[in-house]
Amino acid sequence: MISSVNLKDLPIQDLVISGLIIFIMSTIIANVYNPLLAITYAFGNILTLTFLSWLYKDTWNDPSK
């Protein structure tokens, strides 16, 4: 069974900064190249952050680490 992430200990500041970076870079890519590339870039980053979140799962569940 998939364990859920404890949202009260989630580093919100890190998530906000990551989201801003993805949004800004997607906007730049859309303006310079192609909007489809920007959507692909944003979607790829979100998937990467989601699938690699297991690296920080222990820290999110136990903030004393």
PDB file of N, CA and C in Angstrom:
ATOM      1  N   MET A   1       0.846  -1.178   0.000  1.00  0.00           N
ATOM      2  CA  MET A   1       0.000   0.000   0.000  1.00  0.00           C
ATOM      3  C   MET A   1       0.893   1.244   0.000  1.00  0.00           C
ATOM      4  N   ILE A   2       0.475   2.257  -0.685  1.00  0.00           N
ATOM      5  CA  ILE A   2       1.240   3.498  -0.782  1.00  0.00           C
ATOM      6  C   ILE A   2       0.994   4.336   0.472  1.00  0.00           C
ATOM      7  N   SER A   3       2.079   4.721   1.135  1.00  0.00           N
ATOM      8  CA  SER A   3       1.918   5.565   2.325  1.00  0.00           C
ATOM      9  C   SER A   3       1.825   7.022   1.900  1.00  0.00           C
ATOM     10  N   SER A   4       0.972   7.753   2.572  1.00  0.00           N
ATOM     11  CA  SER A   4       0.794   9.158   2.233  1.00  0.00           C
ATOM     12  C   SER A   4       1.858  10.004   2.930  1.00  0.00           C
ATOM     13  N   VAL A   5       2.120  11.172   2.369  1.00  0.00           N
ATOM     14  CA  VAL A   5       3.114  12.088   2.910  1.00  0.00           C
ATOM     15  C   VAL A   5       2.453  12.927   3.984  1.00  0.00           C
ATOM     16  N   ASN A   6       3.145  13.129   5.090  1.00  0.00           N
ATOM     17  CA  ASN A   6       2.635  13.965   6.165  1.00  0.00           C
ATOM     18  C   ASN A   6       2.717  15.429   5.723  1.00  0.00           C
ATOM     19  N   LEU A   7       1.584  16.021   5.380  1.00  0.00           N
ATOM     20  CA  LEU A   7       1.577  17.348   4.781  1.00  0.00           C
ATOM     21  C   LEU A   7       1.931  18.461   5.768  1.00  0.00           C
ATOM     22  N   LYS A   8       1.765  18.234   7.060  1.00  0.00           N
ATOM     23  CA  LYS A   8       2.071  19.316   7.996  1.00  0.00           C
ATOM     24  C   LYS A   8       3.579  19.545   8.137  1.00  0.00           C
ATOM     25  N   ASP A   9       4.394  18.543   7.796  1.00  0.00           N
ATOM     26  CA  ASP A   9       5.844  18.689   7.872  1.00  0.00           C
ATOM     27  C   ASP A   9       6.489  18.900   6.505  1.00  0.00           C
ATOM     28  N   LEU A  10       5.674  19.053   5.458  1.00  0.00           N
ATOM     29  CA  LEU A  10       6.177  19.234   4.106  1.00  0.00           C
ATOM     30  C   LEU A  10       6.844  20.596   3.974  1.00  0.00           C
ATOM     31  N   PRO A  11       8.030  20.653   3.388  1.00  0.00           N
ATOM     32  CA  PRO A  11       8.732  21.933   3.248  1.00  0.00           C
ATOM     33  C   PRO A  11       8.066  22.801   2.171  1.00  0.00           C
ATOM     34  N   ILE A  12       7.100  23.601   2.588  1.00  0.00           N
ATOM     35  CA  ILE A  12       6.307  24.414   1.674  1.00  0.00           C
ATOM     36  C   ILE A  12       7.191  25.412   0.925  1.00  0.00           C
ATOM     37  N   GLN A  13       8.172  25.969   1.590  1.00  0.00           N
ATOM     38  CA  GLN A  13       9.047  26.947   0.939  1.00  0.00           C
ATOM     39  C   GLN A  13       9.771  26.309  -0.246  1.00  0.00           C
ATOM     40  N   ASP A  14      10.237  25.089  -0.091  1.00  0.00           N
ATOM     41  CA  ASP A  14      10.915  24.390  -1.187  1.00  0.00           C
ATOM     42  C   ASP A  14       9.969  24.136  -2.354  1.00  0.00           C
ATOM     43  N   LEU A  15       8.734  23.763  -2.048  1.00  0.00           N
ATOM     44  CA  LEU A  15       7.762  23.509  -3.102  1.00  0.00           C
ATOM     45  C   LEU A  15       7.391  24.784  -3.848  1.00  0.00           C
ATOM     46  N   VAL A  16       7.265  25.892  -3.123  1.00  0.00           N
ATOM     47  CA  VAL A  16       6.932  27.170  -3.763  1.00  0.00           C
ATOM     48  C   VAL A  16       8.073  27.626  -4.672  1.00  0.00           C
ATOM     49  N   ILE A  17       9.290  27.511  -4.196  1.00  0.00           N
ATOM     50  CA  ILE A  17      10.449  27.912  -5.011  1.00  0.00           C
ATOM     51  C   ILE A  17      10.559  27.022  -6.252  1.00  0.00           C
ATOM     52  N   SER A  18      10.370  25.717  -6.100  1.00  0.00           N
ATOM     53  CA  SER A  18      10.408  24.815  -7.253  1.00  0.00           C
ATOM     54  C   SER A  18       9.315  25.167  -8.258  1.00  0.00           C
ATOM     55  N   GLY A  19       8.126  25.458  -7.762  1.00  0.00           N
ATOM     56  CA  GLY A  19       7.028  25.831  -8.644  1.00  0.00           C
ATOM     57  C   GLY A  19       7.298  27.122  -9.389  1.00  0.00           C
ATOM     58  N   LEU A  20       7.881  28.099  -8.708  1.00  0.00           N
ATOM     59  CA  LEU A  20       8.210  29.362  -9.375  1.00  0.00           C
ATOM     60  C   LEU A  20       9.273  29.164 -10.452  1.00  0.00           C
ATOM     61  N   ILE A  21      10.273  28.358 -10.162  1.00  0.00           N
ATOM     62  CA  ILE A  21      11.317  28.095 -11.159  1.00  0.00           C
ATOM     63  C   ILE A  21      10.724  27.412 -12.387  1.00  0.00           C
ATOM     64  N   ILE A  22       9.871  26.412 -12.168  1.00  0.00           N
ATOM     65  CA  ILE A  22       9.237  25.723 -13.295  1.00  0.00           C
ATOM     66  C   ILE A  22       8.375  26.691 -14.097  1.00  0.00           C
ATOM     67  N   PHE A  23       7.606  27.536 -13.428  1.00  0.00           N
ATOM     68  CA  PHE A  23       6.736  28.492 -14.122  1.00  0.00           C
ATOM     69  C   PHE A  23       7.552  29.509 -14.920  1.00  0.00           C
ATOM     70  N   ILE A  24       8.584  30.060 -14.329  1.00  0.00           N
ATOM     71  CA  ILE A  24       9.405  31.070 -15.016  1.00  0.00           C
ATOM     72  C   ILE A  24      10.129  30.453 -16.211  1.00  0.00           C
ATOM     73  N   MET A  25      10.723  29.283 -16.022  1.00  0.00           N
ATOM     74  CA  MET A  25      11.432  28.648 -17.133  1.00  0.00           C
ATOM     75  C   MET A  25      10.473  28.240 -18.250  1.00  0.00           C
ATOM     76  N   SER A  26       9.271  27.782 -17.899  1.00  0.00           N
ATOM     77  CA  SER A  26       8.288  27.433 -18.920  1.00  0.00           C
ATOM     78  C   SER A  26       7.858  28.659 -19.713  1.00  0.00           C
ATOM     79  N   THR A  27       7.709  29.802 -19.034  1.00  0.00           N
ATOM     80  CA  THR A  27       7.339  31.039 -19.720  1.00  0.00           C
ATOM     81  C   THR A  27       8.447  31.478 -20.673  1.00  0.00           C
ATOM     82  N   ILE A  28       9.682  31.377 -20.232  1.00  0.00           N
ATOM     83  CA  ILE A  28      10.808  31.759 -21.094  1.00  0.00           C
ATOM     84  C   ILE A  28      10.887  30.835 -22.308  1.00  0.00           C
ATOM     85  N   ILE A  29      10.738  29.542 -22.087  1.00  0.00           N
ATOM     86  CA  ILE A  29      10.790  28.595 -23.202  1.00  0.00           C
ATOM     87  C   ILE A  29       9.647  28.850 -24.174  1.00  0.00           C
ATOM     88  N   ALA A  30       8.457  29.139 -23.656  1.00  0.00           N
ATOM     89  CA  ALA A  30       7.307  29.401 -24.533  1.00  0.00           C
ATOM     90  C   ALA A  30       7.527  30.656 -25.365  1.00  0.00           C
ATOM     91  N   ASN A  31       8.148  31.687 -24.792  1.00  0.00           N
ATOM     92  CA  ASN A  31       8.364  32.921 -25.528  1.00  0.00           C
ATOM     93  C   ASN A  31       9.506  32.800 -26.534  1.00  0.00           C
ATOM     94  N   VAL A  32      10.535  32.051 -26.205  1.00  0.00           N
ATOM     95  CA  VAL A  32      11.694  31.948 -27.080  1.00  0.00           C
ATOM     96  C   VAL A  32      11.482  30.875 -28.155  1.00  0.00           C
ATOM     97  N   TYR A  33      10.954  29.728 -27.775  1.00  0.00           N
ATOM     98  CA  TYR A  33      10.837  28.615 -28.712  1.00  0.00           C
ATOM     99  C   TYR A  33       9.381  28.363 -29.079  1.00  0.00           C
ATOM    100  N   ASN A  34       8.810  27.349 -28.463  1.00  0.00           N
ATOM    101  CA  ASN A  34       7.491  26.876 -28.846  1.00  0.00           C
ATOM    102  C   ASN A  34       6.684  26.618 -27.572  1.00  0.00           C
ATOM    103  N   PRO A  35       5.421  27.022 -27.527  1.00  0.00           N
ATOM    104  CA  PRO A  35       4.617  26.745 -26.326  1.00  0.00           C
ATOM    105  C   PRO A  35       4.493  25.254 -26.012  1.00  0.00           C
ATOM    106  N   LEU A  36       4.521  24.416 -27.027  1.00  0.00           N
ATOM    107  CA  LEU A  36       4.453  22.977 -26.781  1.00  0.00           C
ATOM    108  C   LEU A  36       5.684  22.482 -26.023  1.00  0.00           C
ATOM    109  N   LEU A  37       6.845  23.042 -26.339  1.00  0.00           N
ATOM    110  CA  LEU A  37       8.058  22.683 -25.595  1.00  0.00           C
ATOM    111  C   LEU A  37       7.962  23.126 -24.137  1.00  0.00           C
ATOM    112  N   ALA A  38       7.359  24.279 -23.895  1.00  0.00           N
ATOM    113  CA  ALA A  38       7.198  24.770 -22.520  1.00  0.00           C
ATOM    114  C   ALA A  38       6.276  23.860 -21.722  1.00  0.00           C
ATOM    115  N   ILE A  39       5.199  23.407 -22.348  1.00  0.00           N
ATOM    116  CA  ILE A  39       4.279  22.496 -21.657  1.00  0.00           C
ATOM    117  C   ILE A  39       4.979  21.168 -21.370  1.00  0.00           C
ATOM    118  N   THR A  40       5.742  20.686 -22.329  1.00  0.00           N
ATOM    119  CA  THR A  40       6.495  19.448 -22.145  1.00  0.00           C
ATOM    120  C   THR A  40       7.526  19.595 -21.031  1.00  0.00           C
ATOM    121  N   TYR A  41       8.211  20.737 -21.001  1.00  0.00           N
ATOM    122  CA  TYR A  41       9.208  21.001 -19.957  1.00  0.00           C
ATOM    123  C   TYR A  41       8.551  21.012 -18.575  1.00  0.00           C
ATOM    124  N   ALA A  42       7.453  21.738 -18.439  1.00  0.00           N
ATOM    125  CA  ALA A  42       6.771  21.832 -17.145  1.00  0.00           C
ATOM    126  C   ALA A  42       6.247  20.465 -16.708  1.00  0.00           C
ATOM    127  N   PHE A  43       5.620  19.757 -17.625  1.00  0.00           N
ATOM    128  CA  PHE A  43       5.075  18.438 -17.296  1.00  0.00           C
ATOM    129  C   PHE A  43       6.195  17.472 -16.906  1.00  0.00           C
ATOM    130  N   GLY A  44       7.299  17.508 -17.638  1.00  0.00           N
ATOM    131  CA  GLY A  44       8.430  16.644 -17.314  1.00  0.00           C
ATOM    132  C   GLY A  44       9.021  16.945 -15.950  1.00  0.00           C
ATOM    133  N   ASN A  45       9.127  18.228 -15.603  1.00  0.00           N
ATOM    134  CA  ASN A  45       9.656  18.596 -14.291  1.00  0.00           C
ATOM    135  C   ASN A  45       8.734  18.166 -13.163  1.00  0.00           C
ATOM    136  N   ILE A  46       7.446  18.341 -13.355  1.00  0.00           N
ATOM    137  CA  ILE A  46       6.495  17.941 -12.317  1.00  0.00           C
ATOM    138  C   ILE A  46       6.535  16.428 -12.120  1.00  0.00           C
ATOM    139  N   LEU A  47       6.599  15.680 -13.219  1.00  0.00           N
ATOM    140  CA  LEU A  47       6.711  14.224 -13.097  1.00  0.00           C
ATOM    141  C   LEU A  47       8.009  13.819 -12.407  1.00  0.00           C
ATOM    142  N   THR A  48       9.101  14.476 -12.756  1.00  0.00           N
ATOM    143  CA  THR A  48      10.387  14.168 -12.133  1.00  0.00           C
ATOM    144  C   THR A  48      10.348  14.450 -10.637  1.00  0.00           C
ATOM    145  N   LEU A  49       9.818  15.596 -10.244  1.00  0.00           N
ATOM    146  CA  LEU A  49       9.718  15.915  -8.820  1.00  0.00           C
ATOM    147  C   LEU A  49       8.812  14.937  -8.088  1.00  0.00           C
ATOM    148  N   THR A  50       7.747  14.502  -8.746  1.00  0.00           N
ATOM    149  CA  THR A  50       6.820  13.563  -8.120  1.00  0.00           C
ATOM    150  C   THR A  50       7.462  12.190  -7.930  1.00  0.00           C
ATOM    151  N   PHE A  51       8.093  11.678  -8.995  1.00  0.00           N
ATOM    152  CA  PHE A  51       8.657  10.332  -8.914  1.00  0.00           C
ATOM    153  C   PHE A  51       9.920  10.274  -8.057  1.00  0.00           C
ATOM    154  N   LEU A  52      10.654  11.363  -7.942  1.00  0.00           N
ATOM    155  CA  LEU A  52      11.863  11.347  -7.116  1.00  0.00           C
ATOM    156  C   LEU A  52      11.604  11.807  -5.679  1.00  0.00           C
ATOM    157  N   SER A  53      10.333  12.044  -5.357  1.00  0.00           N
ATOM    158  CA  SER A  53      10.015  12.489  -3.993  1.00  0.00           C
ATOM    159  C   SER A  53      10.342  11.416  -2.961  1.00  0.00           C
ATOM    160  N   TRP A  54      10.512  10.164  -3.397  1.00  0.00           N
ATOM    161  CA  TRP A  54      10.866   9.104  -2.459  1.00  0.00           C
ATOM    162  C   TRP A  54      12.221   9.364  -1.810  1.00  0.00           C
ATOM    163  N   LEU A  55      13.058  10.196  -2.420  1.00  0.00           N
ATOM    164  CA  LEU A  55      14.345  10.513  -1.816  1.00  0.00           C
ATOM    165  C   LEU A  55      14.184  11.256  -0.489  1.00  0.00           C
ATOM    166  N   TYR A  56      13.131  12.066  -0.391  1.00  0.00           N
ATOM    167  CA  TYR A  56      12.922  12.883   0.794  1.00  0.00           C
ATOM    168  C   TYR A  56      11.764  12.403   1.651  1.00  0.00           C
ATOM    169  N   LYS A  57      11.215  11.230   1.346  1.00  0.00           N
ATOM    170  CA  LYS A  57      10.053  10.742   2.078  1.00  0.00           C
ATOM    171  C   LYS A  57      10.351  10.576   3.562  1.00  0.00           C
ATOM    172  N   ASP A  58      11.509  10.050   3.916  1.00  0.00           N
ATOM    173  CA  ASP A  58      11.859   9.853   5.324  1.00  0.00           C
ATOM    174  C   ASP A  58      11.983  11.188   6.046  1.00  0.00           C
ATOM    175  N   THR A  59      12.550  12.193   5.395  1.00  0.00           N
ATOM    176  CA  THR A  59      12.703  13.513   6.016  1.00  0.00           C
ATOM    177  C   THR A  59      11.353  14.171   6.213  1.00  0.00           C
ATOM    178  N   TRP A  60      10.440  14.002   5.258  1.00  0.00           N
ATOM    179  CA  TRP A  60       9.116  14.613   5.387  1.00  0.00           C
ATOM    180  C   TRP A  60       8.321  13.954   6.506  1.00  0.00           C
ATOM    181  N   ASN A  61       8.469  12.645   6.664  1.00  0.00           N
ATOM    182  CA  ASN A  61       7.720  11.936   7.702  1.00  0.00           C
ATOM    183  C   ASN A  61       8.304  12.156   9.086  1.00  0.00           C
ATOM    184  N   ASP A  62       9.611  12.377   9.176  1.00  0.00           N
ATOM    185  CA  ASP A  62      10.282  12.604  10.455  1.00  0.00           C
ATOM    186  C   ASP A  62      11.172  13.843  10.335  1.00  0.00           C
ATOM    187  N   PRO A  63      10.678  15.027  10.690  1.00  0.00           N
ATOM    188  CA  PRO A  63      11.452  16.260  10.493  1.00  0.00           C
ATOM    189  C   PRO A  63      12.682  16.374  11.391  1.00  0.00           C
ATOM    190  N   SER A  64      12.884  15.462  12.334  1.00  0.00           N
ATOM    191  CA  SER A  64      14.066  15.557  13.189  1.00  0.00           C
ATOM    192  C   SER A  64      15.335  15.074  12.479  1.00  0.00           C
ATOM    193  N   LYS A  65      15.191  14.479  11.308  1.00  0.00           N
ATOM    194  CA  LYS A  65      16.371  13.983  10.563  1.00  0.00           C
ATOM    195  C   LYS A  65      17.055  15.097   9.835  1.00  0.00           C
TER     196      LYS A  65
END
